[in-house]
PDB file of N, CA and C in Angstrom:
ATOM      1  N   MET A   1     -24.399  24.632 -12.707  1.00  0.00           N
ATOM      2  CA  MET A   1     -25.017  24.809 -11.859  1.00  0.00           C
ATOM      3  C   MET A   1     -26.392  24.870 -12.606  1.00  0.00           C
ATOM      4  N   ARG A   2     -27.807  24.308 -12.086  1.00  0.00           N
ATOM      5  CA  ARG A   2     -28.671  24.724 -13.402  1.00  0.00           C
ATOM      6  C   ARG A   2     -29.568  25.647 -11.802  1.00  0.00           C
ATOM      7  N   ARG A   3     -30.007  25.669 -12.614  1.00  0.00           N
ATOM      8  CA  ARG A   3     -31.149  27.291 -11.984  1.00  0.00           C
ATOM      9  C   ARG A   3     -31.107  26.793 -10.587  1.00  0.00           C
ATOM     10  N   ARG A   4     -31.892  25.261 -11.146  1.00  0.00           N
ATOM     11  CA  ARG A   4     -32.634  24.964  -9.323  1.00  0.00           C
ATOM     12  C   ARG A   4     -31.300  25.122  -8.173  1.00  0.00           C
ATOM     13  N   GLU A   5     -30.944  25.029  -8.476  1.00  0.00           N
ATOM     14  CA  GLU A   5     -29.211  24.647  -7.647  1.00  0.00           C
ATOM     15  C   GLU A   5     -28.890  26.423  -7.320  1.00  0.00           C
ATOM     16  N   GLU A   6     -28.667  27.155  -8.218  1.00  0.00           N
ATOM     17  CA  GLU A   6     -28.750  28.515  -7.681  1.00  0.00           C
ATOM     18  C   GLU A   6     -29.202  29.045  -6.903  1.00  0.00           C
ATOM     19  N   ILE A   7     -30.254  28.971  -7.311  1.00  0.00           N
ATOM     20  CA  ILE A   7     -31.415  30.324  -6.267  1.00  0.00           C
ATOM     21  C   ILE A   7     -31.516  28.869  -4.890  1.00  0.00           C
ATOM     22  N   ALA A   8     -31.447  28.256  -4.472  1.00  0.00           N
ATOM     23  CA  ALA A   8     -31.493  27.234  -3.677  1.00  0.00           C
ATOM     24  C   ALA A   8     -30.131  27.751  -2.621  1.00  0.00           C
ATOM     25  N   ALA A   9     -28.973  27.752  -3.527  1.00  0.00           N
ATOM     26  CA  ALA A   9     -27.309  28.207  -3.111  1.00  0.00           C
ATOM     27  C   ALA A   9     -27.530  29.608  -2.541  1.00  0.00           C
ATOM     28  N   ALA A  10     -27.925  30.580  -3.211  1.00  0.00           N
ATOM     29  CA  ALA A  10     -28.696  31.699  -2.931  1.00  0.00           C
ATOM     30  C   ALA A  10     -29.368  32.242  -2.004  1.00  0.00           C
ATOM     31  N   ARG A  11     -30.398  31.154  -1.867  1.00  0.00           N
ATOM     32  CA  ARG A  11     -31.215  31.760  -0.279  1.00  0.00           C
ATOM     33  C   ARG A  11     -30.670  31.310   0.421  1.00  0.00           C
ATOM     34  N   LEU A  12     -29.642  29.559   0.911  1.00  0.00           N
ATOM     35  CA  LEU A  12     -29.225  29.353   1.541  1.00  0.00           C
ATOM     36  C   LEU A  12     -28.096  30.184   2.501  1.00  0.00           C
ATOM     37  N   SER A  13     -27.227  30.709   1.304  1.00  0.00           N
ATOM     38  CA  SER A  13     -25.925  31.572   2.133  1.00  0.00           C
ATOM     39  C   SER A  13     -26.538  32.736   2.724  1.00  0.00           C
ATOM     40  N   ASP A  14     -27.320  33.417   1.540  1.00  0.00           N
ATOM     41  CA  ASP A  14     -28.439  34.759   2.263  1.00  0.00           C
ATOM     42  C   ASP A  14     -28.980  34.115   3.681  1.00  0.00           C
ATOM     43  N   ALA A  15     -29.824  33.044   4.077  1.00  0.00           N
ATOM     44  CA  ALA A  15     -30.667  32.961   5.124  1.00  0.00           C
ATOM     45  C   ALA A  15     -29.156  32.473   5.998  1.00  0.00           C
ATOM     46  N   LEU A  16     -28.077  32.093   5.782  1.00  0.00           N
ATOM     47  CA  LEU A  16     -26.706  32.011   6.861  1.00  0.00           C
ATOM     48  C   LEU A  16     -26.369  32.629   6.789  1.00  0.00           C
ATOM     49  N   LEU A  17     -25.802  33.996   6.227  1.00  0.00           N
ATOM     50  CA  LEU A  17     -25.211  34.781   5.928  1.00  0.00           C
ATOM     51  C   LEU A  17     -26.112  35.675   7.797  1.00  0.00           C
ATOM     52  N   LYS A  18     -26.905  35.681   6.954  1.00  0.00           N
ATOM     53  CA  LYS A  18     -28.019  36.774   8.419  1.00  0.00           C
ATOM     54  C   LYS A  18     -28.154  36.363   9.656  1.00  0.00           C
ATOM     55  N   ARG A  19     -28.171  34.889   9.671  1.00  0.00           N
ATOM     56  CA  ARG A  19     -27.677  33.934  10.936  1.00  0.00           C
ATOM     57  C   ARG A  19     -26.976  34.660  11.934  1.00  0.00           C
ATOM     58  N   LEU A  20     -26.042  33.815  10.746  1.00  0.00           N
ATOM     59  CA  LEU A  20     -24.681  34.410  10.938  1.00  0.00           C
ATOM     60  C   LEU A  20     -24.034  36.314  12.021  1.00  0.00           C
ATOM     61  N   LEU A  21     -24.724  36.928  11.251  1.00  0.00           N
ATOM     62  CA  LEU A  21     -24.242  38.392  11.582  1.00  0.00           C
ATOM     63  C   LEU A  21     -25.293  38.577  12.759  1.00  0.00           C
ATOM     64  N   GLN A  22     -26.380  38.338  13.033  1.00  0.00           N
ATOM     65  CA  GLN A  22     -27.349  38.500  13.980  1.00  0.00           C
ATOM     66  C   GLN A  22     -27.072  37.535  15.032  1.00  0.00           C
ATOM     67  N   ARG A  23     -26.517  36.718  15.364  1.00  0.00           N
ATOM     68  CA  ARG A  23     -25.761  35.861  16.363  1.00  0.00           C
ATOM     69  C   ARG A  23     -24.514  36.509  16.942  1.00  0.00           C
ATOM     70  N   LYS A  24     -24.084  37.547  16.368  1.00  0.00           N
ATOM     71  CA  LYS A  24     -22.821  37.650  16.388  1.00  0.00           C
ATOM     72  C   LYS A  24     -21.703  36.763  16.238  1.00  0.00           C
ATOM     73  N   LEU A  25     -21.767  35.663  15.522  1.00  0.00           N
ATOM     74  CA  LEU A  25     -20.869  34.903  15.385  1.00  0.00           C
ATOM     75  C   LEU A  25     -19.683  35.419  14.388  1.00  0.00           C
ATOM     76  N   ILE A  26     -19.938  36.195  13.561  1.00  0.00           N
ATOM     77  CA  ILE A  26     -19.182  36.447  12.498  1.00  0.00           C
ATOM     78  C   ILE A  26     -19.098  38.341  12.364  1.00  0.00           C
ATOM     79  N   GLU A  27     -17.675  38.657  11.668  1.00  0.00           N
ATOM     80  CA  GLU A  27     -18.105  39.755  11.747  1.00  0.00           C
ATOM     81  C   GLU A  27     -17.589  39.718  10.330  1.00  0.00           C
ATOM     82  N   VAL A  28     -18.217  40.857   9.414  1.00  0.00           N
ATOM     83  CA  VAL A  28     -17.398  41.007   8.124  1.00  0.00           C
ATOM     84  C   VAL A  28     -17.796  42.206   7.721  1.00  0.00           C
ATOM     85  N   LYS A  29     -16.010  42.866   6.808  1.00  0.00           N
ATOM     86  CA  LYS A  29     -16.144  43.862   6.323  1.00  0.00           C
ATOM     87  C   LYS A  29     -17.303  44.168   4.908  1.00  0.00           C
ATOM     88  N   ASP A  30     -16.815  42.330   4.119  1.00  0.00           N
ATOM     89  CA  ASP A  30     -17.912  43.123   2.675  1.00  0.00           C
ATOM     90  C   ASP A  30     -18.977  41.479   2.622  1.00  0.00           C
ATOM     91  N   GLU A  31     -20.107  41.601   3.415  1.00  0.00           N
ATOM     92  CA  GLU A  31     -20.908  40.985   3.232  1.00  0.00           C
ATOM     93  C   GLU A  31     -21.302  39.846   1.431  1.00  0.00           C
ATOM     94  N   SER A  32     -21.146  40.925   1.077  1.00  0.00           N
ATOM     95  CA  SER A  32     -21.224  40.501  -0.400  1.00  0.00           C
ATOM     96  C   SER A  32     -20.318  39.784  -1.144  1.00  0.00           C
ATOM     97  N   ARG A  33     -19.310  39.727  -0.619  1.00  0.00           N
ATOM     98  CA  ARG A  33     -18.251  38.672  -0.705  1.00  0.00           C
ATOM     99  C   ARG A  33     -18.338  37.712  -0.052  1.00  0.00           C
ATOM    100  N   VAL A  34     -18.671  37.702   1.349  1.00  0.00           N
ATOM    101  CA  VAL A  34     -18.886  36.284   2.085  1.00  0.00           C
ATOM    102  C   VAL A  34     -20.205  35.622   1.628  1.00  0.00           C
ATOM    103  N   ARG A  35     -21.581  36.593   1.014  1.00  0.00           N
ATOM    104  CA  ARG A  35     -22.253  35.700   0.441  1.00  0.00           C
ATOM    105  C   ARG A  35     -22.439  35.045  -0.178  1.00  0.00           C
ATOM    106  N   ALA A  36     -21.257  35.632  -1.604  1.00  0.00           N
ATOM    107  CA  ALA A  36     -21.127  34.998  -2.828  1.00  0.00           C
ATOM    108  C   ALA A  36     -20.052  33.634  -2.110  1.00  0.00           C
ATOM    109  N   LEU A  37     -18.953  33.775  -2.159  1.00  0.00           N
ATOM    110  CA  LEU A  37     -18.085  32.423  -1.320  1.00  0.00           C
ATOM    111  C   LEU A  37     -19.241  31.131  -0.765  1.00  0.00           C
ATOM    112  N   PHE A  38     -20.264  31.788   0.448  1.00  0.00           N
ATOM    113  CA  PHE A  38     -21.451  30.860   0.985  1.00  0.00           C
ATOM    114  C   PHE A  38     -21.939  30.178  -0.546  1.00  0.00           C
ATOM    115  N   GLN A  39     -22.475  30.734  -1.278  1.00  0.00           N
ATOM    116  CA  GLN A  39     -22.952  30.287  -2.481  1.00  0.00           C
ATOM    117  C   GLN A  39     -22.150  29.625  -3.293  1.00  0.00           C
ATOM    118  N   LYS A  40     -20.718  29.610  -3.598  1.00  0.00           N
ATOM    119  CA  LYS A  40     -20.426  29.539  -4.408  1.00  0.00           C
ATOM    120  C   LYS A  40     -19.860  27.255  -4.083  1.00  0.00           C
ATOM    121  N   VAL A  41     -19.960  27.772  -2.061  1.00  0.00           N
ATOM    122  CA  VAL A  41     -19.392  26.359  -1.852  1.00  0.00           C
ATOM    123  C   VAL A  41     -20.716  25.578  -1.497  1.00  0.00           C
ATOM    124  N   ILE A  42     -21.866  26.427  -1.555  1.00  0.00           N
ATOM    125  CA  ILE A  42     -23.013  25.507  -0.902  1.00  0.00           C
ATOM    126  C   ILE A  42     -23.451  24.759  -2.524  1.00  0.00           C
ATOM    127  N   GLY A  43     -23.445  26.188  -3.802  1.00  0.00           N
ATOM    128  CA  GLY A  43     -23.929  25.482  -4.633  1.00  0.00           C
ATOM    129  C   GLY A  43     -22.818  23.911  -5.586  1.00  0.00           C
ATOM    130  N   ASP A  44     -21.835  24.298  -4.658  1.00  0.00           N
ATOM    131  CA  ASP A  44     -20.515  23.154  -5.384  1.00  0.00           C
ATOM    132  C   ASP A  44     -20.860  21.925  -4.750  1.00  0.00           C
ATOM    133  N   ASN A  45     -21.533  22.109  -3.602  1.00  0.00           N
ATOM    134  CA  ASN A  45     -22.156  20.717  -3.001  1.00  0.00           C
ATOM    135  C   ASN A  45     -22.869  20.311  -3.336  1.00  0.00           C
ATOM    136  N   LEU A  46     -23.981  20.938  -3.322  1.00  0.00           N
ATOM    137  CA  LEU A  46     -25.530  20.406  -3.944  1.00  0.00           C
ATOM    138  C   LEU A  46     -24.865  19.807  -5.981  1.00  0.00           C
ATOM    139  N   GLN A  47     -23.808  20.533  -6.394  1.00  0.00           N
ATOM    140  CA  GLN A  47     -23.798  19.945  -7.554  1.00  0.00           C
ATOM    141  C   GLN A  47     -23.734  18.658  -7.450  1.00  0.00           C
ATOM    142  N   ALA A  48     -22.522  18.125  -6.228  1.00  0.00           N
ATOM    143  CA  ALA A  48     -21.641  17.378  -5.504  1.00  0.00           C
ATOM    144  C   ALA A  48     -22.756  16.123  -5.867  1.00  0.00           C
ATOM    145  N   GLU A  49     -23.913  16.566  -4.757  1.00  0.00           N
ATOM    146  CA  GLU A  49     -25.035  15.524  -4.608  1.00  0.00           C
ATOM    147  C   GLU A  49     -25.742  14.828  -5.698  1.00  0.00           C
ATOM    148  N   GLU A  50     -26.171  16.248  -6.563  1.00  0.00           N
ATOM    149  CA  GLU A  50     -26.250  15.801  -7.742  1.00  0.00           C
ATOM    150  C   GLU A  50     -25.811  14.881  -8.587  1.00  0.00           C
ATOM    151  N   GLU A  51     -24.518  14.542  -8.848  1.00  0.00           N
ATOM    152  CA  GLU A  51     -23.609  13.693  -9.593  1.00  0.00           C
ATOM    153  C   GLU A  51     -23.913  12.362  -8.496  1.00  0.00           C
ATOM    154  N   LEU A  52     -24.068  12.530  -7.063  1.00  0.00           N
ATOM    155  CA  LEU A  52     -24.045  11.102  -6.197  1.00  0.00           C
ATOM    156  C   LEU A  52     -25.728  10.543  -6.776  1.00  0.00           C
ATOM    157  N   ASP A  53     -26.095  11.413  -7.188  1.00  0.00           N
ATOM    158  CA  ASP A  53     -27.825  11.003  -7.339  1.00  0.00           C
ATOM    159  C   ASP A  53     -27.686  10.598  -8.493  1.00  0.00           C
ATOM    160  N   VAL A  54     -26.636  10.762  -9.495  1.00  0.00           N
ATOM    161  CA  VAL A  54     -26.627   9.886 -10.716  1.00  0.00           C
ATOM    162  C   VAL A  54     -25.801   9.075 -11.204  1.00  0.00           C
ATOM    163  N   ALA A  55     -24.887   8.929 -10.580  1.00  0.00           N
ATOM    164  CA  ALA A  55     -23.953   7.716 -10.498  1.00  0.00           C
ATOM    165  C   ALA A  55     -24.631   6.561  -9.605  1.00  0.00           C
ATOM    166  N   ALA A  56     -25.245   7.053  -8.735  1.00  0.00           N
ATOM    167  CA  ALA A  56     -26.372   5.744  -7.482  1.00  0.00           C
ATOM    168  C   ALA A  56     -27.390   5.485  -8.816  1.00  0.00           C
ATOM    169  N   ARG A  57     -28.210   6.158  -9.867  1.00  0.00           N
ATOM    170  CA  ARG A  57     -28.972   6.264 -11.048  1.00  0.00           C
ATOM    171  C   ARG A  57     -28.525   5.175 -11.818  1.00  0.00           C
ATOM    172  N   GLN A  58     -27.236   5.304 -11.918  1.00  0.00           N
ATOM    173  CA  GLN A  58     -26.710   3.908 -13.228  1.00  0.00           C
ATOM    174  C   GLN A  58     -26.781   3.317 -12.586  1.00  0.00           C
ATOM    175  N   LEU A  59     -25.792   2.732 -11.318  1.00  0.00           N
ATOM    176  CA  LEU A  59     -25.686   2.006 -10.672  1.00  0.00           C
ATOM    177  C   LEU A  59     -26.669   0.885 -10.970  1.00  0.00           C
ATOM    178  N   LEU A  60     -28.074   1.328 -10.034  1.00  0.00           N
ATOM    179  CA  LEU A  60     -29.002   0.388 -10.054  1.00  0.00           C
ATOM    180  C   LEU A  60     -29.338  -0.016 -11.592  1.00  0.00           C
ATOM    181  N   GLN A  61     -29.600   1.270 -12.470  1.00  0.00           N
ATOM    182  CA  GLN A  61     -30.336   0.973 -13.584  1.00  0.00           C
ATOM    183  C   GLN A  61     -29.319  -0.359 -14.369  1.00  0.00           C
ATOM    184  N   SER A  62     -28.101  -0.378 -13.879  1.00  0.00           N
ATOM    185  CA  SER A  62     -27.315  -2.677 -14.528  1.00  0.00           C
ATOM    186  C   SER A  62     -28.378  -2.625 -13.541  1.00  0.00           C
ATOM    187  N   TYR A  63     -28.920  -2.890 -12.856  1.00  0.00           N
ATOM    188  CA  TYR A  63     -29.832  -3.808 -11.941  1.00  0.00           C
ATOM    189  C   TYR A  63     -31.381  -3.781 -12.194  1.00  0.00           C
ATOM    190  N   ALA A  64     -31.083  -3.561 -12.629  1.00  0.00           N
ATOM    191  CA  ALA A  64     -32.992  -2.810 -13.108  1.00  0.00           C
ATOM    192  C   ALA A  64     -33.770  -4.351 -13.402  1.00  0.00           C
ATOM    193  N   ARG A  65     -33.172  -5.522 -14.162  1.00  0.00           N
ATOM    194  CA  ARG A  65     -34.097  -6.181 -14.241  1.00  0.00           C
ATOM    195  C   ARG A  65     -34.165  -7.244 -12.972  1.00  0.00           C
ATOM    196  N   ASP A  66     -32.980  -7.550 -12.242  1.00  0.00           N
ATOM    197  CA  ASP A  66     -33.164  -7.947 -10.404  1.00  0.00           C
ATOM    198  C   ASP A  66     -34.177  -7.294 -10.180  1.00  0.00           C
ATOM    199  N   ILE A  67     -33.623  -5.831  -9.649  1.00  0.00           N
ATOM    200  CA  ILE A  67     -35.357  -5.218  -8.828  1.00  0.00           C
ATOM    201  C   ILE A  67     -36.326  -5.490  -8.919  1.00  0.00           C
ATOM    202  N   ARG A  68     -36.946  -5.618 -10.628  1.00  0.00           N
ATOM    203  CA  ARG A  68     -38.322  -5.630 -10.984  1.00  0.00           C
ATOM    204  C   ARG A  68     -38.377  -6.712 -10.237  1.00  0.00           C
ATOM    205  N   GLU A  69     -37.581  -8.023 -10.485  1.00  0.00           N
ATOM    206  CA  GLU A  69     -38.062  -9.345 -10.837  1.00  0.00           C
ATOM    207  C   GLU A  69     -38.207  -9.985  -9.491  1.00  0.00           C
ATOM    208  N   LYS A  70     -37.467  -9.287  -8.354  1.00  0.00           N
ATOM    209  CA  LYS A  70     -37.481  -9.817  -6.465  1.00  0.00           C
ATOM    210  C   LYS A  70     -38.572  -8.785  -6.512  1.00  0.00           C
ATOM    211  N   GLY A  71     -39.084  -7.930  -6.497  1.00  0.00           N
ATOM    212  CA  GLY A  71     -39.739  -6.584  -6.417  1.00  0.00           C
ATOM    213  C   GLY A  71     -38.922  -5.487  -4.647  1.00  0.00           C
ATOM    214  N   LEU A  72     -37.674  -5.661  -5.247  1.00  0.00           N
ATOM    215  CA  LEU A  72     -37.015  -4.613  -3.816  1.00  0.00           C
ATOM    216  C   LEU A  72     -37.618  -3.215  -4.207  1.00  0.00           C
ATOM    217  N   ASP A  73     -37.777  -2.862  -3.061  1.00  0.00           N
ATOM    218  CA  ASP A  73     -38.052  -0.969  -3.002  1.00  0.00           C
ATOM    219  C   ASP A  73     -37.004  -0.383  -3.646  1.00  0.00           C
ATOM    220  N   TYR A  74     -36.875  -0.079  -4.689  1.00  0.00           N
ATOM    221  CA  TYR A  74     -35.884   1.192  -5.593  1.00  0.00           C
ATOM    222  C   TYR A  74     -35.374   2.561  -4.822  1.00  0.00           C
ATOM    223  N   ARG A  75     -36.768   2.954  -3.480  1.00  0.00           N
ATOM    224  CA  ARG A  75     -35.977   3.898  -2.819  1.00  0.00           C
ATOM    225  C   ARG A  75     -34.688   3.720  -1.605  1.00  0.00           C
ATOM    226  N   GLN A  76     -35.237   2.512  -1.388  1.00  0.00           N
ATOM    227  CA  GLN A  76     -33.854   2.029  -0.115  1.00  0.00           C
ATOM    228  C   GLN A  76     -33.144   1.211  -1.031  1.00  0.00           C
ATOM    229  N   LEU A  77     -32.864   1.204  -2.308  1.00  0.00           N
ATOM    230  CA  LEU A  77     -31.937   0.572  -2.533  1.00  0.00           C
ATOM    231  C   LEU A  77     -30.987   2.088  -3.405  1.00  0.00           C
ATOM    232  N   PHE A  78     -31.556   2.744  -3.927  1.00  0.00           N
ATOM    233  CA  PHE A  78     -31.192   4.126  -4.506  1.00  0.00           C
ATOM    234  C   PHE A  78     -30.193   5.031  -3.193  1.00  0.00           C
ATOM    235  N   SER A  79     -30.748   4.921  -1.924  1.00  0.00           N
ATOM    236  CA  SER A  79     -30.319   5.955  -0.936  1.00  0.00           C
ATOM    237  C   SER A  79     -29.719   4.872  -0.405  1.00  0.00           C
ATOM    238  N   ARG A  80     -29.063   3.629  -0.364  1.00  0.00           N
ATOM    239  CA  ARG A  80     -27.863   2.748   0.211  1.00  0.00           C
ATOM    240  C   ARG A  80     -26.640   2.899  -0.961  1.00  0.00           C
ATOM    241  N   ALA A  81     -27.254   3.111  -2.195  1.00  0.00           N
ATOM    242  CA  ALA A  81     -26.036   3.079  -3.601  1.00  0.00           C
ATOM    243  C   ALA A  81     -25.754   4.678  -2.767  1.00  0.00           C
ATOM    244  N   LYS A  82     -26.211   5.577  -2.817  1.00  0.00           N
ATOM    245  CA  LYS A  82     -26.189   6.853  -2.562  1.00  0.00           C
ATOM    246  C   LYS A  82     -24.924   7.217  -0.917  1.00  0.00           C
ATOM    247  N   GLU A  83     -25.421   6.552  -0.127  1.00  0.00           N
ATOM    248  CA  GLU A  83     -24.575   6.620   1.433  1.00  0.00           C
ATOM    249  C   GLU A  83     -23.394   5.264   0.306  1.00  0.00           C
ATOM    250  N   LYS A  84     -23.248   4.514  -0.372  1.00  0.00           N
ATOM    251  CA  LYS A  84     -21.920   3.740  -0.717  1.00  0.00           C
ATOM    252  C   LYS A  84     -21.339   5.015  -1.231  1.00  0.00           C
ATOM    253  N   LEU A  85     -21.775   5.485  -2.402  1.00  0.00           N
ATOM    254  CA  LEU A  85     -20.948   6.328  -3.394  1.00  0.00           C
ATOM    255  C   LEU A  85     -20.023   7.394  -2.668  1.00  0.00           C
ATOM    256  N   ALA A  86     -21.149   8.092  -2.162  1.00  0.00           N
ATOM    257  CA  ALA A  86     -20.573   9.489  -0.481  1.00  0.00           C
ATOM    258  C   ALA A  86     -19.594   8.715   0.122  1.00  0.00           C
ATOM    259  N   ARG A  87     -19.403   7.668   0.955  1.00  0.00           N
ATOM    260  CA  ARG A  87     -18.801   7.213   1.504  1.00  0.00           C
ATOM    261  C   ARG A  87     -17.232   7.174   0.517  1.00  0.00           C
ATOM    262  N   GLU A  88     -17.245   6.462  -0.237  1.00  0.00           N
ATOM    263  CA  GLU A  88     -16.615   6.140  -1.217  1.00  0.00           C
ATOM    264  C   GLU A  88     -15.224   7.125  -2.025  1.00  0.00           C
ATOM    265  N   ARG A  89     -16.347   8.212  -1.702  1.00  0.00           N
ATOM    266  CA  ARG A  89     -15.974   9.506  -2.300  1.00  0.00           C
ATOM    267  C   ARG A  89     -15.657  10.997  -1.129  1.00  0.00           C
ATOM    268  N   GLY A  90     -15.688  10.047  -0.137  1.00  0.00           N
ATOM    269  CA  GLY A  90     -15.236  11.424   1.308  1.00  0.00           C
ATOM    270  C   GLY A  90     -16.093  12.292   1.241  1.00  0.00           C
ATOM    271  N   PHE A  91     -17.949  11.645   1.070  1.00  0.00           N
ATOM    272  CA  PHE A  91     -18.848  13.181   0.948  1.00  0.00           C
ATOM    273  C   PHE A  91     -19.472  12.806   2.070  1.00  0.00           C
ATOM    274  N   VAL A  92     -20.031  14.044   2.457  1.00  0.00           N
ATOM    275  CA  VAL A  92     -20.645  13.503   4.306  1.00  0.00           C
ATOM    276  C   VAL A  92     -21.870  14.316   3.563  1.00  0.00           C
ATOM    277  N   LEU A  93     -23.568  13.430   3.547  1.00  0.00           N
ATOM    278  CA  LEU A  93     -24.538  13.249   3.180  1.00  0.00           C
ATOM    279  C   LEU A  93     -25.070  14.297   3.945  1.00  0.00           C
TER     280      LEU A  93
END
């Protein structure tokens, strides 16, 4: 996992744990262990999404000439490709 993803996962896991504890939705004996588990799950999810981004870019790269010639919207095509790949892999965006 890249440093940026690590930081995001740490911040999200801290916020999630804090909110769950404040609302008394969970009780934990070892907050650091739960925080580490949240961080791993969130980090894995971020990494999987990054892999989807790479796969979508590679897919579109093979059609780069057609995209340019037809003046298609790359961002829209990227979004569609990513959604399709996510569905195929059982990944929820």
